[in-house]
Amino acid sequence: MEITVDHARATELFSAYWDEDLAPADLSALEEHLKSCVVCRREYQTFKKTVGAVGGLDRVMAPPDFAEEVRARIRKRSRGRFFSPRKMAERIPYELFSLVMLGLILAIYIVLQLSHPAQLKLP
């Protein structure tokens, strides 16, 4: 079965093609498409220039407190919805709370049924 590549699929494969990480079938299909499609060939050339330019930039180390400053800014702008200390009630998973409540309801039901054995209906 021969794989065909359209414009959208070709642009999705550019990154893997650049990294030389394509399966042989995808590789041959993409190369065949690039030979016949001027638009995708131009887009890939632009992609290569962009990735090459970004790769040529000097690496800069982030300040040691960078992550904490980002968290603080997000906390401030979100008014505490993200990265803020949580109250104990917010830490309990709702699934656990639901199971505890179901257990409590079952216990109350059993106690009520056992306190009135005359009304207990057995199958």
N, C-alpha and C. Protein backbone atom coordinates (compact mmCIF):
# COMPACT_ATOMS: atom_id res chain seq x y z
N MET A 1 0.85 -1.19 0.00
CA MET A 1 0.00 0.00 0.00
C MET A 1 0.89 1.24 0.00
N GLU A 2 0.72 2.07 -0.98
CA GLU A 2 1.53 3.27 -1.12
C GLU A 2 0.93 4.41 -0.30
N ILE A 3 1.77 5.10 0.44
CA ILE A 3 1.34 6.23 1.26
C ILE A 3 1.40 7.49 0.42
N THR A 4 0.35 8.28 0.46
CA THR A 4 0.35 9.57 -0.23
C THR A 4 0.37 10.68 0.80
N VAL A 5 0.99 11.77 0.44
CA VAL A 5 1.13 12.91 1.35
C VAL A 5 0.49 14.12 0.69
N ASP A 6 -0.40 14.79 1.42
CA ASP A 6 -0.97 16.04 0.92
C ASP A 6 -0.23 17.21 1.59
N HIS A 7 -0.69 18.43 1.33
CA HIS A 7 0.00 19.61 1.87
C HIS A 7 0.00 19.61 3.40
N ALA A 8 -1.15 19.33 4.00
CA ALA A 8 -1.25 19.37 5.46
C ALA A 8 -0.35 18.30 6.09
N ARG A 9 -0.37 17.10 5.55
CA ARG A 9 0.45 16.02 6.08
C ARG A 9 1.94 16.32 5.88
N ALA A 10 2.27 16.94 4.78
CA ALA A 10 3.67 17.28 4.52
C ALA A 10 4.20 18.23 5.58
N THR A 11 3.43 19.27 5.91
CA THR A 11 3.90 20.22 6.92
C THR A 11 3.99 19.57 8.30
N GLU A 12 3.14 18.58 8.57
CA GLU A 12 3.23 17.85 9.84
C GLU A 12 4.52 17.03 9.92
N LEU A 13 5.02 16.58 8.79
CA LEU A 13 6.20 15.72 8.76
C LEU A 13 7.52 16.49 8.70
N PHE A 14 7.47 17.81 8.49
CA PHE A 14 8.70 18.58 8.34
C PHE A 14 9.66 18.41 9.52
N SER A 15 9.16 18.48 10.73
CA SER A 15 10.03 18.40 11.90
C SER A 15 10.73 17.05 11.97
N ALA A 16 9.98 15.98 11.79
CA ALA A 16 10.59 14.64 11.82
C ALA A 16 11.55 14.46 10.65
N TYR A 17 11.24 15.04 9.52
CA TYR A 17 12.12 14.98 8.35
C TYR A 17 13.43 15.70 8.64
N TRP A 18 13.34 16.85 9.27
CA TRP A 18 14.53 17.62 9.64
C TRP A 18 15.39 16.83 10.62
N ASP A 19 14.75 16.15 11.57
CA ASP A 19 15.47 15.36 12.57
C ASP A 19 15.89 13.99 12.06
N GLU A 20 15.57 13.69 10.80
CA GLU A 20 15.84 12.39 10.18
C GLU A 20 15.26 11.25 11.02
N ASP A 21 13.98 11.45 11.39
CA ASP A 21 13.30 10.50 12.27
C ASP A 21 11.99 10.01 11.65
N LEU A 22 11.98 9.86 10.34
CA LEU A 22 10.77 9.40 9.65
C LEU A 22 10.89 7.92 9.30
N ALA A 23 9.75 7.25 9.34
CA ALA A 23 9.70 5.86 8.88
C ALA A 23 10.00 5.86 7.38
N PRO A 24 10.59 4.78 6.88
CA PRO A 24 10.95 4.74 5.45
C PRO A 24 9.79 5.04 4.51
N ALA A 25 8.60 4.54 4.82
CA ALA A 25 7.45 4.79 3.95
C ALA A 25 7.08 6.27 3.94
N ASP A 26 7.07 6.90 5.13
CA ASP A 26 6.76 8.33 5.21
C ASP A 26 7.85 9.16 4.54
N LEU A 27 9.09 8.75 4.71
CA LEU A 27 10.21 9.46 4.12
C LEU A 27 10.10 9.50 2.60
N SER A 28 9.87 8.34 2.00
CA SER A 28 9.78 8.31 0.54
C SER A 28 8.55 9.06 0.04
N ALA A 29 7.43 8.96 0.78
CA ALA A 29 6.21 9.67 0.36
C ALA A 29 6.41 11.18 0.45
N LEU A 30 7.05 11.64 1.53
CA LEU A 30 7.29 13.08 1.68
C LEU A 30 8.26 13.57 0.62
N GLU A 31 9.33 12.86 0.38
CA GLU A 31 10.28 13.29 -0.64
C GLU A 31 9.66 13.32 -2.02
N GLU A 32 8.81 12.37 -2.32
CA GLU A 32 8.10 12.35 -3.60
C GLU A 32 7.18 13.57 -3.72
N HIS A 33 6.49 13.89 -2.60
CA HIS A 33 5.60 15.06 -2.61
C HIS A 33 6.42 16.35 -2.78
N LEU A 34 7.55 16.45 -2.08
CA LEU A 34 8.38 17.66 -2.19
C LEU A 34 8.93 17.84 -3.61
N LYS A 35 9.18 16.75 -4.31
CA LYS A 35 9.65 16.86 -5.69
C LYS A 35 8.58 17.44 -6.61
N SER A 36 7.32 17.12 -6.32
CA SER A 36 6.25 17.53 -7.23
C SER A 36 5.48 18.78 -6.78
N CYS A 37 5.69 19.22 -5.54
CA CYS A 37 4.88 20.34 -5.01
C CYS A 37 5.77 21.54 -4.69
N VAL A 38 5.62 22.59 -5.48
CA VAL A 38 6.42 23.80 -5.29
C VAL A 38 6.08 24.48 -3.97
N VAL A 39 4.81 24.51 -3.61
CA VAL A 39 4.37 25.19 -2.39
C VAL A 39 5.01 24.54 -1.16
N CYS A 40 4.94 23.23 -1.08
CA CYS A 40 5.51 22.53 0.09
C CYS A 40 7.03 22.63 0.09
N ARG A 41 7.63 22.63 -1.08
CA ARG A 41 9.08 22.76 -1.16
C ARG A 41 9.51 24.12 -0.61
N ARG A 42 8.76 25.18 -0.95
CA ARG A 42 9.06 26.52 -0.42
C ARG A 42 8.82 26.57 1.09
N GLU A 43 7.74 25.95 1.54
CA GLU A 43 7.46 25.93 2.98
C GLU A 43 8.55 25.19 3.74
N TYR A 44 9.04 24.10 3.16
CA TYR A 44 10.12 23.36 3.83
C TYR A 44 11.41 24.19 3.85
N GLN A 45 11.69 24.92 2.79
CA GLN A 45 12.87 25.79 2.78
C GLN A 45 12.76 26.85 3.86
N THR A 46 11.57 27.43 4.01
CA THR A 46 11.33 28.41 5.08
C THR A 46 11.50 27.76 6.44
N PHE A 47 10.98 26.55 6.60
CA PHE A 47 11.11 25.80 7.84
C PHE A 47 12.59 25.58 8.17
N LYS A 48 13.38 25.16 7.17
CA LYS A 48 14.81 24.91 7.38
C LYS A 48 15.54 26.19 7.80
N LYS A 49 15.20 27.31 7.16
CA LYS A 49 15.85 28.58 7.52
C LYS A 49 15.51 28.98 8.95
N THR A 50 14.24 28.80 9.32
CA THR A 50 13.80 29.18 10.67
C THR A 50 14.47 28.32 11.72
N VAL A 51 14.45 27.01 11.54
CA VAL A 51 15.06 26.11 12.51
C VAL A 51 16.57 26.33 12.57
N GLY A 52 17.17 26.57 11.43
CA GLY A 52 18.61 26.85 11.41
C GLY A 52 18.95 28.14 12.15
N ALA A 53 18.12 29.16 11.98
CA ALA A 53 18.36 30.43 12.66
C ALA A 53 18.19 30.28 14.17
N VAL A 54 17.18 29.56 14.58
CA VAL A 54 16.94 29.36 16.02
C VAL A 54 18.08 28.53 16.61
N GLY A 55 18.53 27.52 15.87
CA GLY A 55 19.62 26.69 16.36
C GLY A 55 20.93 27.45 16.49
N GLY A 56 21.08 28.53 15.75
CA GLY A 56 22.31 29.31 15.80
C GLY A 56 22.34 30.33 16.92
N LEU A 57 21.26 30.51 17.63
CA LEU A 57 21.22 31.49 18.72
C LEU A 57 22.07 31.01 19.90
N ASP A 58 22.65 31.97 20.60
CA ASP A 58 23.41 31.63 21.79
C ASP A 58 22.47 31.19 22.90
N ARG A 59 22.90 30.19 23.63
CA ARG A 59 22.10 29.72 24.77
C ARG A 59 22.37 30.61 25.96
N VAL A 60 21.29 30.98 26.64
CA VAL A 60 21.40 31.84 27.81
C VAL A 60 20.81 31.09 29.00
N MET A 61 21.52 31.08 30.08
CA MET A 61 21.03 30.41 31.29
C MET A 61 20.00 31.32 31.98
N ALA A 62 18.93 30.70 32.42
CA ALA A 62 17.90 31.44 33.16
C ALA A 62 18.41 31.72 34.56
N PRO A 63 17.98 32.83 35.16
CA PRO A 63 18.38 33.11 36.54
C PRO A 63 17.89 32.00 37.47
N PRO A 64 18.57 31.79 38.58
CA PRO A 64 18.20 30.69 39.49
C PRO A 64 16.76 30.78 40.00
N ASP A 65 16.24 31.97 40.19
CA ASP A 65 14.88 32.11 40.72
C ASP A 65 13.84 32.32 39.63
N PHE A 66 14.18 32.00 38.40
CA PHE A 66 13.28 32.22 37.26
C PHE A 66 11.96 31.48 37.42
N ALA A 67 12.01 30.20 37.76
CA ALA A 67 10.78 29.40 37.88
C ALA A 67 9.87 29.95 38.97
N GLU A 68 10.45 30.35 40.08
CA GLU A 68 9.63 30.89 41.18
C GLU A 68 9.02 32.22 40.79
N GLU A 69 9.74 33.04 40.05
CA GLU A 69 9.18 34.31 39.61
C GLU A 69 8.04 34.10 38.62
N VAL A 70 8.16 33.11 37.76
CA VAL A 70 7.07 32.80 36.83
C VAL A 70 5.84 32.34 37.61
N ARG A 71 6.05 31.45 38.59
CA ARG A 71 4.92 30.98 39.42
C ARG A 71 4.26 32.16 40.15
N ALA A 72 5.08 33.05 40.70
CA ALA A 72 4.54 34.20 41.43
C ALA A 72 3.72 35.10 40.50
N ARG A 73 4.21 35.32 39.30
CA ARG A 73 3.48 36.16 38.35
C ARG A 73 2.16 35.51 37.94
N ILE A 74 2.19 34.20 37.70
CA ILE A 74 0.95 33.49 37.35
C ILE A 74 -0.02 33.53 38.52
N ARG A 75 0.49 33.31 39.73
CA ARG A 75 -0.37 33.35 40.92
C ARG A 75 -1.02 34.73 41.06
N LYS A 76 -0.24 35.78 40.82
CA LYS A 76 -0.75 37.15 40.95
C LYS A 76 -1.80 37.44 39.88
N ARG A 77 -1.50 37.11 38.62
CA ARG A 77 -2.43 37.41 37.53
C ARG A 77 -3.68 36.56 37.57
N SER A 78 -3.57 35.34 38.10
CA SER A 78 -4.74 34.46 38.16
C SER A 78 -5.50 34.62 39.47
N ARG A 79 -5.03 35.55 40.30
CA ARG A 79 -5.64 35.80 41.60
C ARG A 79 -5.68 34.53 42.46
N GLY A 80 -4.60 33.76 42.41
CA GLY A 80 -4.46 32.60 43.27
C GLY A 80 -5.05 31.31 42.76
N ARG A 81 -5.61 31.30 41.55
CA ARG A 81 -6.21 30.05 41.05
C ARG A 81 -5.15 29.01 40.72
N PHE A 82 -3.94 29.45 40.40
CA PHE A 82 -2.86 28.52 40.07
C PHE A 82 -1.70 28.75 41.02
N PHE A 83 -1.04 27.67 41.42
CA PHE A 83 0.16 27.70 42.24
C PHE A 83 -0.04 28.34 43.61
N SER A 84 -1.25 28.36 44.11
CA SER A 84 -1.46 28.92 45.44
C SER A 84 -1.60 27.78 46.44
N PRO A 85 -1.27 28.05 47.70
CA PRO A 85 -1.45 26.99 48.71
C PRO A 85 -2.92 26.60 48.78
N ARG A 86 -3.17 25.30 48.84
CA ARG A 86 -4.55 24.82 48.84
C ARG A 86 -4.99 24.51 50.26
N LYS A 87 -6.26 24.74 50.51
CA LYS A 87 -6.85 24.39 51.80
C LYS A 87 -7.02 22.88 51.85
N MET A 88 -7.14 22.35 53.06
CA MET A 88 -7.24 20.90 53.22
C MET A 88 -8.44 20.34 52.47
N ALA A 89 -9.57 21.04 52.47
CA ALA A 89 -10.78 20.55 51.80
C ALA A 89 -10.56 20.45 50.29
N GLU A 90 -9.71 21.30 49.73
CA GLU A 90 -9.44 21.26 48.30
C GLU A 90 -8.49 20.14 47.93
N ARG A 91 -7.76 19.61 48.91
CA ARG A 91 -6.78 18.56 48.64
C ARG A 91 -7.41 17.18 48.58
N ILE A 92 -8.57 16.99 49.19
CA ILE A 92 -9.21 15.68 49.21
C ILE A 92 -9.83 15.43 47.84
N PRO A 93 -9.46 14.35 47.20
CA PRO A 93 -10.03 14.06 45.89
C PRO A 93 -11.53 13.80 46.00
N TYR A 94 -12.26 14.29 45.03
CA TYR A 94 -13.71 14.12 45.05
C TYR A 94 -14.12 12.65 44.96
N GLU A 95 -13.30 11.84 44.30
CA GLU A 95 -13.62 10.42 44.20
C GLU A 95 -13.62 9.78 45.58
N LEU A 96 -12.62 10.11 46.39
CA LEU A 96 -12.54 9.57 47.75
C LEU A 96 -13.72 10.07 48.59
N PHE A 97 -14.03 11.34 48.46
CA PHE A 97 -15.17 11.91 49.18
C PHE A 97 -16.46 11.20 48.79
N SER A 98 -16.64 10.91 47.51
CA SER A 98 -17.85 10.23 47.04
C SER A 98 -17.95 8.83 47.61
N LEU A 99 -16.82 8.10 47.64
CA LEU A 99 -16.84 6.76 48.21
C LEU A 99 -17.16 6.78 49.69
N VAL A 100 -16.62 7.73 50.42
CA VAL A 100 -16.91 7.85 51.86
C VAL A 100 -18.39 8.15 52.07
N MET A 101 -18.94 9.03 51.26
CA MET A 101 -20.36 9.37 51.40
C MET A 101 -21.24 8.16 51.07
N LEU A 102 -20.91 7.40 50.04
CA LEU A 102 -21.68 6.20 49.72
C LEU A 102 -21.60 5.18 50.85
N GLY A 103 -20.43 5.03 51.43
CA GLY A 103 -20.27 4.12 52.57
C GLY A 103 -21.11 4.57 53.76
N LEU A 104 -21.13 5.87 54.00
CA LEU A 104 -21.93 6.42 55.11
C LEU A 104 -23.42 6.19 54.87
N ILE A 105 -23.87 6.41 53.66
CA ILE A 105 -25.29 6.18 53.33
C ILE A 105 -25.64 4.70 53.48
N LEU A 106 -24.76 3.81 53.04
CA LEU A 106 -24.99 2.37 53.19
C LEU A 106 -25.04 1.99 54.66
N ALA A 107 -24.14 2.54 55.48
CA ALA A 107 -24.14 2.24 56.92
C ALA A 107 -25.44 2.71 57.58
N ILE A 108 -25.90 3.89 57.24
CA ILE A 108 -27.16 4.40 57.79
C ILE A 108 -28.32 3.50 57.36
N TYR A 109 -28.34 3.07 56.13
CA TYR A 109 -29.40 2.19 55.63
C TYR A 109 -29.40 0.87 56.40
N ILE A 110 -28.22 0.29 56.58
CA ILE A 110 -28.13 -0.99 57.30
C ILE A 110 -28.58 -0.83 58.74
N VAL A 111 -28.15 0.24 59.40
CA VAL A 111 -28.55 0.48 60.80
C VAL A 111 -30.06 0.64 60.89
N LEU A 112 -30.65 1.37 59.98
CA LEU A 112 -32.10 1.55 60.00
C LEU A 112 -32.83 0.24 59.72
N GLN A 113 -32.33 -0.57 58.82
CA GLN A 113 -32.96 -1.86 58.53
C GLN A 113 -32.84 -2.82 59.70
N LEU A 114 -31.68 -2.81 60.37
CA LEU A 114 -31.49 -3.73 61.50
C LEU A 114 -32.23 -3.27 62.75
N SER A 115 -32.50 -1.97 62.87
CA SER A 115 -33.23 -1.48 64.04
C SER A 115 -34.71 -1.82 63.96
N HIS A 116 -35.22 -2.16 62.79
CA HIS A 116 -36.61 -2.56 62.60
C HIS A 116 -36.64 -3.90 61.87
N PRO A 117 -36.29 -5.00 62.57
CA PRO A 117 -36.20 -6.30 61.86
C PRO A 117 -37.54 -6.79 61.34
N ALA A 118 -38.63 -6.33 61.91
CA ALA A 118 -39.95 -6.80 61.45
C ALA A 118 -40.23 -6.26 60.04
N GLN A 119 -39.66 -5.11 59.73
CA GLN A 119 -39.91 -4.52 58.41
C GLN A 119 -38.86 -4.96 57.38
N LEU A 120 -37.87 -5.77 57.83
CA LEU A 120 -36.82 -6.21 56.94
C LEU A 120 -37.40 -7.16 55.90
N LYS A 121 -37.20 -6.84 54.65
CA LYS A 121 -37.72 -7.65 53.55
C LYS A 121 -36.57 -8.42 52.93
N LEU A 122 -36.65 -9.74 53.02
CA LEU A 122 -35.64 -10.58 52.42
C LEU A 122 -36.17 -11.21 51.16
N PRO A 123 -35.36 -11.40 50.19
CA PRO A 123 -35.85 -12.00 48.92
C PRO A 123 -36.12 -13.50 49.08
